[in-house]
Amino acid sequence: MKSVSILLNTAESVKKFVNIMSAYDYPTDLRSGRYVVDAKSILGIFSLDLNKPVVLEINSDDCDDLLREITPFIYN
């Protein structure tokens, strides 16, 4: 399992992020505090507080291709 912080602060960035995530078969979740939603669910993502970074949890150890594709969303 890998975890990275990401920032999705616009509706357009959420749409692009979900399109990327939907192309991968890994189980993925977004965590914001005590709330956890499916990272492939646009409605789930919009239910989170997107004013601050959220944590993406990828349930796969071989996900370097996904991490490269979501680089613009990664928050350091």
N, C-alpha and C. Protein backbone atom coordinates (compact mmCIF):
# COMPACT_ATOMS: atom_id res chain seq x y z
N MET A 1 0.84 -1.18 0.00
CA MET A 1 0.00 0.00 0.00
C MET A 1 0.88 1.24 0.00
N LYS A 2 0.51 2.21 -0.81
CA LYS A 2 1.22 3.48 -0.85
C LYS A 2 0.24 4.60 -0.56
N SER A 3 0.74 5.66 0.07
CA SER A 3 -0.08 6.83 0.38
C SER A 3 0.63 8.09 -0.07
N VAL A 4 -0.13 9.00 -0.68
CA VAL A 4 0.40 10.30 -1.07
C VAL A 4 -0.66 11.36 -0.79
N SER A 5 -0.21 12.56 -0.47
CA SER A 5 -1.13 13.68 -0.30
C SER A 5 -1.38 14.32 -1.65
N ILE A 6 -2.64 14.62 -1.91
CA ILE A 6 -2.99 15.28 -3.17
C ILE A 6 -3.89 16.46 -2.89
N LEU A 7 -3.90 17.39 -3.83
CA LEU A 7 -4.73 18.59 -3.72
C LEU A 7 -5.64 18.66 -4.93
N LEU A 8 -6.93 18.66 -4.67
CA LEU A 8 -7.95 18.76 -5.72
C LEU A 8 -8.81 19.97 -5.40
N ASN A 9 -8.34 21.15 -5.79
CA ASN A 9 -9.00 22.37 -5.36
C ASN A 9 -9.94 23.00 -6.38
N THR A 10 -10.13 22.35 -7.54
CA THR A 10 -11.10 22.84 -8.52
C THR A 10 -11.93 21.68 -9.05
N ALA A 11 -13.12 21.99 -9.55
CA ALA A 11 -13.98 20.95 -10.13
C ALA A 11 -13.30 20.29 -11.32
N GLU A 12 -12.58 21.06 -12.09
CA GLU A 12 -11.88 20.52 -13.26
C GLU A 12 -10.78 19.54 -12.84
N SER A 13 -10.07 19.86 -11.77
CA SER A 13 -9.02 18.94 -11.31
C SER A 13 -9.63 17.64 -10.77
N VAL A 14 -10.78 17.72 -10.13
CA VAL A 14 -11.46 16.50 -9.65
C VAL A 14 -11.86 15.64 -10.84
N LYS A 15 -12.40 16.26 -11.87
CA LYS A 15 -12.83 15.52 -13.07
C LYS A 15 -11.64 14.82 -13.73
N LYS A 16 -10.54 15.53 -13.90
CA LYS A 16 -9.34 14.93 -14.50
C LYS A 16 -8.80 13.80 -13.64
N PHE A 17 -8.78 14.02 -12.33
CA PHE A 17 -8.27 13.01 -11.40
C PHE A 17 -9.11 11.73 -11.48
N VAL A 18 -10.42 11.86 -11.46
CA VAL A 18 -11.31 10.69 -11.52
C VAL A 18 -11.13 9.95 -12.84
N ASN A 19 -10.96 10.68 -13.94
CA ASN A 19 -10.73 10.02 -15.24
C ASN A 19 -9.44 9.21 -15.22
N ILE A 20 -8.40 9.73 -14.61
CA ILE A 20 -7.14 8.99 -14.51
C ILE A 20 -7.33 7.77 -13.62
N MET A 21 -7.93 7.96 -12.45
CA MET A 21 -8.09 6.87 -11.49
C MET A 21 -8.94 5.74 -12.06
N SER A 22 -9.94 6.07 -12.85
CA SER A 22 -10.84 5.06 -13.40
C SER A 22 -10.14 4.14 -14.40
N ALA A 23 -9.02 4.55 -14.92
CA ALA A 23 -8.29 3.74 -15.89
C ALA A 23 -7.47 2.63 -15.22
N TYR A 24 -7.38 2.64 -13.90
CA TYR A 24 -6.57 1.66 -13.17
C TYR A 24 -7.45 0.75 -12.33
N ASP A 25 -7.04 -0.50 -12.23
CA ASP A 25 -7.83 -1.50 -11.50
C ASP A 25 -7.52 -1.56 -10.01
N TYR A 26 -6.52 -0.80 -9.56
CA TYR A 26 -6.15 -0.87 -8.14
C TYR A 26 -7.31 -0.36 -7.28
N PRO A 27 -7.53 -0.98 -6.13
CA PRO A 27 -8.46 -0.38 -5.17
C PRO A 27 -7.79 0.87 -4.59
N THR A 28 -8.47 2.00 -4.66
CA THR A 28 -7.91 3.27 -4.17
C THR A 28 -8.95 4.01 -3.34
N ASP A 29 -8.48 4.68 -2.31
CA ASP A 29 -9.36 5.45 -1.43
C ASP A 29 -8.77 6.83 -1.22
N LEU A 30 -9.65 7.79 -0.94
CA LEU A 30 -9.23 9.12 -0.51
C LEU A 30 -9.67 9.28 0.93
N ARG A 31 -8.75 9.77 1.77
CA ARG A 31 -9.02 9.94 3.19
C ARG A 31 -8.87 11.42 3.56
N SER A 32 -9.89 11.92 4.23
CA SER A 32 -9.86 13.28 4.76
C SER A 32 -10.38 13.21 6.19
N GLY A 33 -9.46 13.26 7.14
CA GLY A 33 -9.85 13.10 8.54
C GLY A 33 -10.39 11.70 8.76
N ARG A 34 -11.62 11.61 9.25
CA ARG A 34 -12.21 10.30 9.50
C ARG A 34 -13.07 9.81 8.33
N TYR A 35 -13.13 10.57 7.26
CA TYR A 35 -13.94 10.20 6.10
C TYR A 35 -13.08 9.52 5.04
N VAL A 36 -13.60 8.44 4.49
CA VAL A 36 -12.92 7.69 3.44
C VAL A 36 -13.90 7.47 2.30
N VAL A 37 -13.48 7.80 1.06
CA VAL A 37 -14.32 7.58 -0.11
C VAL A 37 -13.51 6.89 -1.20
N ASP A 38 -14.20 6.28 -2.13
CA ASP A 38 -13.58 5.65 -3.28
C ASP A 38 -12.97 6.75 -4.15
N ALA A 39 -11.70 6.61 -4.51
CA ALA A 39 -11.02 7.64 -5.31
C ALA A 39 -11.52 7.69 -6.75
N LYS A 40 -12.38 6.76 -7.14
CA LYS A 40 -12.94 6.75 -8.49
C LYS A 40 -14.36 7.32 -8.51
N SER A 41 -14.83 7.80 -7.37
CA SER A 41 -16.19 8.32 -7.24
C SER A 41 -16.18 9.84 -7.19
N ILE A 42 -16.68 10.45 -8.26
CA ILE A 42 -16.68 11.92 -8.32
C ILE A 42 -17.59 12.50 -7.23
N LEU A 43 -18.72 11.86 -6.97
CA LEU A 43 -19.62 12.35 -5.92
C LEU A 43 -18.99 12.17 -4.54
N GLY A 44 -18.31 11.05 -4.34
CA GLY A 44 -17.62 10.83 -3.07
C GLY A 44 -16.56 11.88 -2.81
N ILE A 45 -15.79 12.21 -3.84
CA ILE A 45 -14.73 13.21 -3.70
C ILE A 45 -15.31 14.58 -3.36
N PHE A 46 -16.42 14.94 -4.02
CA PHE A 46 -17.02 16.24 -3.73
C PHE A 46 -17.63 16.32 -2.34
N SER A 47 -17.80 15.17 -1.67
CA SER A 47 -18.32 15.20 -0.30
C SER A 47 -17.23 15.51 0.72
N LEU A 48 -15.97 15.51 0.28
CA LEU A 48 -14.84 15.80 1.17
C LEU A 48 -14.56 17.30 1.21
N ASP A 49 -13.82 17.71 2.22
CA ASP A 49 -13.35 19.10 2.32
C ASP A 49 -12.14 19.23 1.40
N LEU A 50 -12.32 19.86 0.26
CA LEU A 50 -11.26 19.96 -0.74
C LEU A 50 -10.45 21.25 -0.62
N ASN A 51 -10.66 21.99 0.47
CA ASN A 51 -9.86 23.19 0.70
C ASN A 51 -8.46 22.86 1.22
N LYS A 52 -8.26 21.62 1.59
CA LYS A 52 -6.96 21.17 2.09
C LYS A 52 -6.61 19.85 1.41
N PRO A 53 -5.35 19.46 1.44
CA PRO A 53 -4.95 18.19 0.80
C PRO A 53 -5.65 17.00 1.45
N VAL A 54 -5.86 15.97 0.64
CA VAL A 54 -6.42 14.70 1.11
C VAL A 54 -5.38 13.61 0.84
N VAL A 55 -5.53 12.48 1.48
CA VAL A 55 -4.56 11.39 1.33
C VAL A 55 -5.13 10.34 0.39
N LEU A 56 -4.37 10.04 -0.65
CA LEU A 56 -4.72 8.97 -1.58
C LEU A 56 -4.02 7.70 -1.11
N GLU A 57 -4.80 6.65 -0.88
CA GLU A 57 -4.25 5.36 -0.48
C GLU A 57 -4.44 4.39 -1.63
N ILE A 58 -3.33 3.88 -2.15
CA ILE A 58 -3.34 2.95 -3.27
C ILE A 58 -3.01 1.57 -2.73
N ASN A 59 -3.91 0.64 -2.92
CA ASN A 59 -3.72 -0.71 -2.39
C ASN A 59 -3.01 -1.60 -3.39
N SER A 60 -1.82 -1.17 -3.78
CA SER A 60 -0.96 -1.92 -4.70
C SER A 60 0.46 -1.42 -4.50
N ASP A 61 1.41 -2.33 -4.58
CA ASP A 61 2.80 -1.91 -4.46
C ASP A 61 3.41 -1.57 -5.81
N ASP A 62 2.78 -2.00 -6.88
CA ASP A 62 3.28 -1.77 -8.24
C ASP A 62 2.41 -0.73 -8.93
N CYS A 63 2.54 0.54 -8.50
CA CYS A 63 1.66 1.59 -9.01
C CYS A 63 2.46 2.81 -9.49
N ASP A 64 3.70 2.60 -9.91
CA ASP A 64 4.53 3.71 -10.35
C ASP A 64 3.94 4.43 -11.56
N ASP A 65 3.29 3.70 -12.46
CA ASP A 65 2.68 4.31 -13.62
C ASP A 65 1.55 5.26 -13.21
N LEU A 66 0.75 4.86 -12.24
CA LEU A 66 -0.32 5.72 -11.74
C LEU A 66 0.26 6.95 -11.06
N LEU A 67 1.29 6.77 -10.24
CA LEU A 67 1.90 7.91 -9.54
C LEU A 67 2.47 8.93 -10.52
N ARG A 68 3.06 8.46 -11.61
CA ARG A 68 3.58 9.38 -12.63
C ARG A 68 2.44 10.18 -13.26
N GLU A 69 1.32 9.52 -13.51
CA GLU A 69 0.21 10.19 -14.17
C GLU A 69 -0.49 11.22 -13.28
N ILE A 70 -0.48 11.00 -11.97
CA ILE A 70 -1.15 11.94 -11.07
C ILE A 70 -0.18 12.95 -10.46
N THR A 71 1.02 13.04 -10.97
CA THR A 71 2.02 13.97 -10.45
C THR A 71 1.50 15.41 -10.32
N PRO A 72 0.72 15.93 -11.28
CA PRO A 72 0.24 17.31 -11.11
C PRO A 72 -0.65 17.54 -9.87
N PHE A 73 -1.20 16.47 -9.33
CA PHE A 73 -2.10 16.60 -8.17
C PHE A 73 -1.39 16.35 -6.85
N ILE A 74 -0.18 15.84 -6.89
CA ILE A 74 0.54 15.49 -5.65
C ILE A 74 0.94 16.78 -4.91
N TYR A 75 0.65 16.80 -3.63
CA TYR A 75 0.92 17.96 -2.78
C TYR A 75 2.11 17.63 -1.89
N ASN A 76 3.14 18.44 -1.93
CA ASN A 76 4.34 18.18 -1.12
C ASN A 76 4.37 19.07 0.08
